[in-house]
């Protein structure tokens, strides 16, 4: 089972991904948690390059997809084969939102490269944490990267909402302004409703 968490920085996605991972482990499930880009030595190095260098949009896209390909091939697929529940902090929807809409790269190009990097394996469910832009920027504070530019981030947030409406069967839109425990209880409830994974009884 492949579960992903999406949203702009400051939305609470990483917190929810971590909470679900710890809950699963403590409940006796085999689970893995990775960030994208990241999760392998190669992908983590690429992540550093992406943050250190303000490259052109296409180069940026190719770096993200290379890191993702490494993560999927070296971690995600082997873990799924072992029967693990794999949780990802960001995945393909981030690339569509940030590079496709945010950096204005042709969406067809983004879709093709996403498909190649993930070998066609989409998430079983995606939780999209939605918060107002001012809330996200306040939460991020001084730890902003070049991806947290206000106007750019507004485009990305709007893109996420659009993507969620386009893929309603897979993507669940959650109000990220609520208490993190409230959000988490909804995550558990939706995992039962959508995937039949009844975690509340554990």
Protein backbone atom coordinates (compact mmCIF):
# COMPACT_ATOMS: atom_id res chain seq x y z
CA UNK A 1 0.00 0.00 0.00
CA UNK A 2 1.40 3.38 -1.04
CA UNK A 3 0.21 6.46 0.86
CA UNK A 4 1.38 9.99 0.06
CA UNK A 5 1.06 13.34 1.80
CA UNK A 6 1.08 16.57 -0.20
CA UNK A 7 0.81 20.29 0.38
CA UNK A 8 2.89 23.44 0.44
CA UNK A 9 5.52 23.79 3.16
CA UNK A 10 3.83 24.74 6.41
CA UNK A 11 0.68 22.78 5.61
CA UNK A 12 1.42 20.04 8.15
CA UNK A 13 2.00 17.24 5.62
CA UNK A 14 5.31 16.13 7.13
CA UNK A 15 3.81 16.07 10.62
CA UNK A 16 0.92 13.88 9.46
CA UNK A 17 3.20 11.55 7.52
CA UNK A 18 5.36 11.07 10.61
CA UNK A 19 2.34 10.56 12.89
CA UNK A 20 0.92 7.88 10.60
CA UNK A 21 4.26 6.09 10.34
CA UNK A 22 4.74 6.02 14.11
CA UNK A 23 1.13 4.93 14.65
CA UNK A 24 1.52 2.03 12.21
CA UNK A 25 4.80 0.88 13.74
CA UNK A 26 3.37 1.05 17.25
CA UNK A 27 0.32 -0.91 16.07
CA UNK A 28 2.46 -3.77 14.76
CA UNK A 29 2.41 -2.96 11.04
CA UNK A 30 5.45 -3.02 8.79
CA UNK A 31 5.80 0.50 7.44
CA UNK A 32 8.34 2.79 5.82
CA UNK A 33 8.54 6.58 5.63
CA UNK A 34 10.52 8.49 3.01
CA UNK A 35 10.70 12.05 1.77
CA UNK A 36 10.71 12.92 -1.93
CA UNK A 37 13.24 13.96 -3.03
CA UNK A 38 15.29 11.79 -0.72
CA UNK A 39 15.28 8.30 0.73
CA UNK A 40 18.47 7.05 -0.95
CA UNK A 41 22.03 8.33 -0.87
CA UNK A 42 21.77 9.52 -4.47
CA UNK A 43 18.38 11.16 -3.96
CA UNK A 44 19.53 12.97 -0.81
CA UNK A 45 22.54 14.39 -2.65
CA UNK A 46 20.29 15.52 -5.49
CA UNK A 47 18.02 17.16 -2.91
CA UNK A 48 20.97 19.22 -1.68
CA UNK A 49 21.80 20.27 -5.25
CA UNK A 50 18.21 21.34 -5.89
CA UNK A 51 18.21 23.53 -2.79
CA UNK A 52 21.70 24.93 -3.37
CA UNK A 53 21.40 25.84 -7.06
CA UNK A 54 18.71 27.97 -8.69
CA UNK A 55 18.73 26.16 -12.03
CA UNK A 56 16.46 26.51 -15.05
CA UNK A 57 13.02 24.85 -14.81
CA UNK A 58 13.76 21.86 -17.07
CA UNK A 59 17.02 21.01 -15.28
CA UNK A 60 15.15 21.29 -11.98
CA UNK A 61 12.43 18.94 -13.22
CA UNK A 62 14.97 16.37 -14.41
CA UNK A 63 16.78 16.47 -11.06
CA UNK A 64 13.53 15.86 -9.18
CA UNK A 65 12.62 12.94 -11.46
CA UNK A 66 16.08 11.39 -11.17
CA UNK A 67 15.86 11.50 -7.38
CA UNK A 68 12.34 10.04 -7.51
CA UNK A 69 13.40 7.23 -9.83
CA UNK A 70 16.14 6.27 -7.37
CA UNK A 71 13.70 6.34 -4.44
CA UNK A 72 11.06 4.26 -6.21
CA UNK A 73 13.46 1.66 -7.55
CA UNK A 74 15.69 1.27 -4.47
CA UNK A 75 13.17 1.75 -1.65
CA UNK A 76 9.51 1.92 -2.59
CA UNK A 77 9.23 -1.12 -4.84
CA UNK A 78 11.28 -3.45 -2.57
CA UNK A 79 9.28 -2.33 0.47
CA UNK A 80 5.94 -2.85 -1.26
CA UNK A 81 7.10 -6.28 -2.36
CA UNK A 82 7.84 -7.12 1.30
CA UNK A 83 4.27 -6.16 2.22
CA UNK A 84 5.15 -2.88 3.87
CA UNK A 85 2.89 0.16 3.97
CA UNK A 86 4.97 2.88 2.32
CA UNK A 87 4.37 6.51 3.29
CA UNK A 88 5.85 9.32 1.21
CA UNK A 89 6.25 12.95 2.20
CA UNK A 90 5.63 14.43 -1.28
CA UNK A 91 5.48 12.56 -4.57
CA UNK A 92 4.28 13.10 -8.15
CA UNK A 93 1.64 15.73 -7.33
CA UNK A 94 4.34 18.02 -5.96
CA UNK A 95 6.07 18.00 -9.32
CA UNK A 96 2.87 18.80 -11.17
CA UNK A 97 2.12 21.68 -8.77
CA UNK A 98 5.61 23.14 -8.32
CA UNK A 99 7.29 22.47 -11.66
CA UNK A 100 4.25 22.12 -13.91
CA UNK A 101 2.08 25.01 -12.73
CA UNK A 102 4.60 26.92 -10.62
CA UNK A 103 7.50 26.87 -13.06
CA UNK A 104 5.16 26.70 -16.07
CA UNK A 105 6.62 23.56 -17.62
CA UNK A 106 4.38 21.80 -20.14
CA UNK A 107 2.08 19.53 -18.11
CA UNK A 108 2.36 16.76 -20.70
CA UNK A 109 6.13 16.72 -20.24
CA UNK A 110 5.76 16.59 -16.46
CA UNK A 111 3.23 13.75 -16.72
CA UNK A 112 5.47 11.66 -18.99
CA UNK A 113 8.53 12.07 -16.78
CA UNK A 114 6.49 11.34 -13.65
CA UNK A 115 5.19 8.15 -15.25
CA UNK A 116 8.72 7.04 -16.19
CA UNK A 117 10.14 7.79 -12.72
CA UNK A 118 7.40 5.88 -10.85
CA UNK A 119 7.13 3.08 -13.45
CA UNK A 120 3.38 3.76 -13.55
CA UNK A 121 2.85 3.07 -9.82
CA UNK A 122 0.56 5.78 -8.48
CA UNK A 123 -0.33 6.15 -4.79
CA UNK A 124 -3.33 4.24 -3.46
CA UNK A 125 -4.39 7.38 -1.62
CA UNK A 126 -3.04 10.92 -1.33
CA UNK A 127 -3.77 13.30 1.53
CA UNK A 128 -3.51 16.94 0.48
CA UNK A 129 -3.17 19.30 3.45
CA UNK A 130 -4.62 22.67 2.53
CA UNK A 131 -3.91 25.90 4.44
CA UNK A 132 -4.11 29.60 3.55
CA UNK A 133 -0.87 31.02 2.21
CA UNK A 134 -0.33 33.38 5.15
CA UNK A 135 -0.71 30.50 7.60
CA UNK A 136 1.86 28.41 5.73
CA UNK A 137 4.39 31.25 5.55
CA UNK A 138 3.95 31.98 9.26
CA UNK A 139 4.56 28.34 10.13
CA UNK A 140 7.65 28.13 7.94
CA UNK A 141 9.04 31.35 9.44
CA UNK A 142 12.70 32.06 8.69
CA UNK A 143 13.36 28.57 7.34
CA UNK A 144 12.21 29.48 3.84
CA UNK A 145 13.89 28.14 0.72
CA UNK A 146 13.57 29.64 -2.76
CA UNK A 147 10.41 27.55 -3.17
CA UNK A 148 8.63 29.58 -0.46
CA UNK A 149 8.40 32.78 -2.50
CA UNK A 150 4.95 34.24 -1.84
CA UNK A 151 3.56 34.66 -5.37
CA UNK A 152 5.11 31.42 -6.59
CA UNK A 153 3.71 29.56 -3.60
CA UNK A 154 0.27 31.01 -4.31
CA UNK A 155 0.37 29.49 -7.79
CA UNK A 156 1.43 26.15 -6.32
CA UNK A 157 -1.34 26.16 -3.71
CA UNK A 158 -3.96 26.95 -6.36
CA UNK A 159 -2.52 24.18 -8.52
CA UNK A 160 -2.84 21.65 -5.71
CA UNK A 161 -6.54 22.48 -5.34
CA UNK A 162 -7.04 22.02 -9.08
CA UNK A 163 -5.21 18.68 -9.07
CA UNK A 164 -7.32 17.48 -6.13
CA UNK A 165 -10.53 18.22 -8.03
CA UNK A 166 -9.18 16.43 -11.11
CA UNK A 167 -8.29 13.27 -9.17
CA UNK A 168 -11.01 13.01 -6.54
CA UNK A 169 -10.86 9.20 -6.43
CA UNK A 170 -7.24 9.29 -5.23
CA UNK A 171 -6.70 12.66 -3.56
CA UNK A 172 -8.38 13.67 -0.31
CA UNK A 173 -8.39 17.38 0.52
CA UNK A 174 -7.93 18.05 4.25
CA UNK A 175 -8.18 21.28 6.24
CA UNK A 176 -4.66 21.73 7.55
CA UNK A 177 -5.54 24.65 9.82
CA UNK A 178 -7.07 22.33 12.41
CA UNK A 179 -5.36 20.78 15.40
CA UNK A 180 -2.91 18.12 14.19
CA UNK A 181 -4.65 15.39 16.20
CA UNK A 182 -8.00 16.25 14.60
CA UNK A 183 -6.43 15.99 11.17
CA UNK A 184 -4.80 12.69 12.07
CA UNK A 185 -8.06 11.12 13.24
CA UNK A 186 -9.58 12.05 9.89
CA UNK A 187 -6.63 10.42 8.14
CA UNK A 188 -7.25 7.15 10.01
CA UNK A 189 -10.98 7.34 9.28
CA UNK A 190 -10.39 7.89 5.56
CA UNK A 191 -7.88 5.04 5.36
CA UNK A 192 -10.64 2.76 6.59
CA UNK A 193 -13.29 4.20 4.27
CA UNK A 194 -11.14 4.35 1.14
CA UNK A 195 -8.78 1.39 1.57
CA UNK A 196 -10.41 -0.79 4.20
CA UNK A 197 -7.45 -0.26 6.54
CA UNK A 198 -9.12 -0.23 9.97
CA UNK A 199 -6.50 1.31 12.24
CA UNK A 200 -8.77 2.73 14.93
CA UNK A 201 -9.23 -0.69 16.52
CA UNK A 202 -5.50 -1.31 16.87
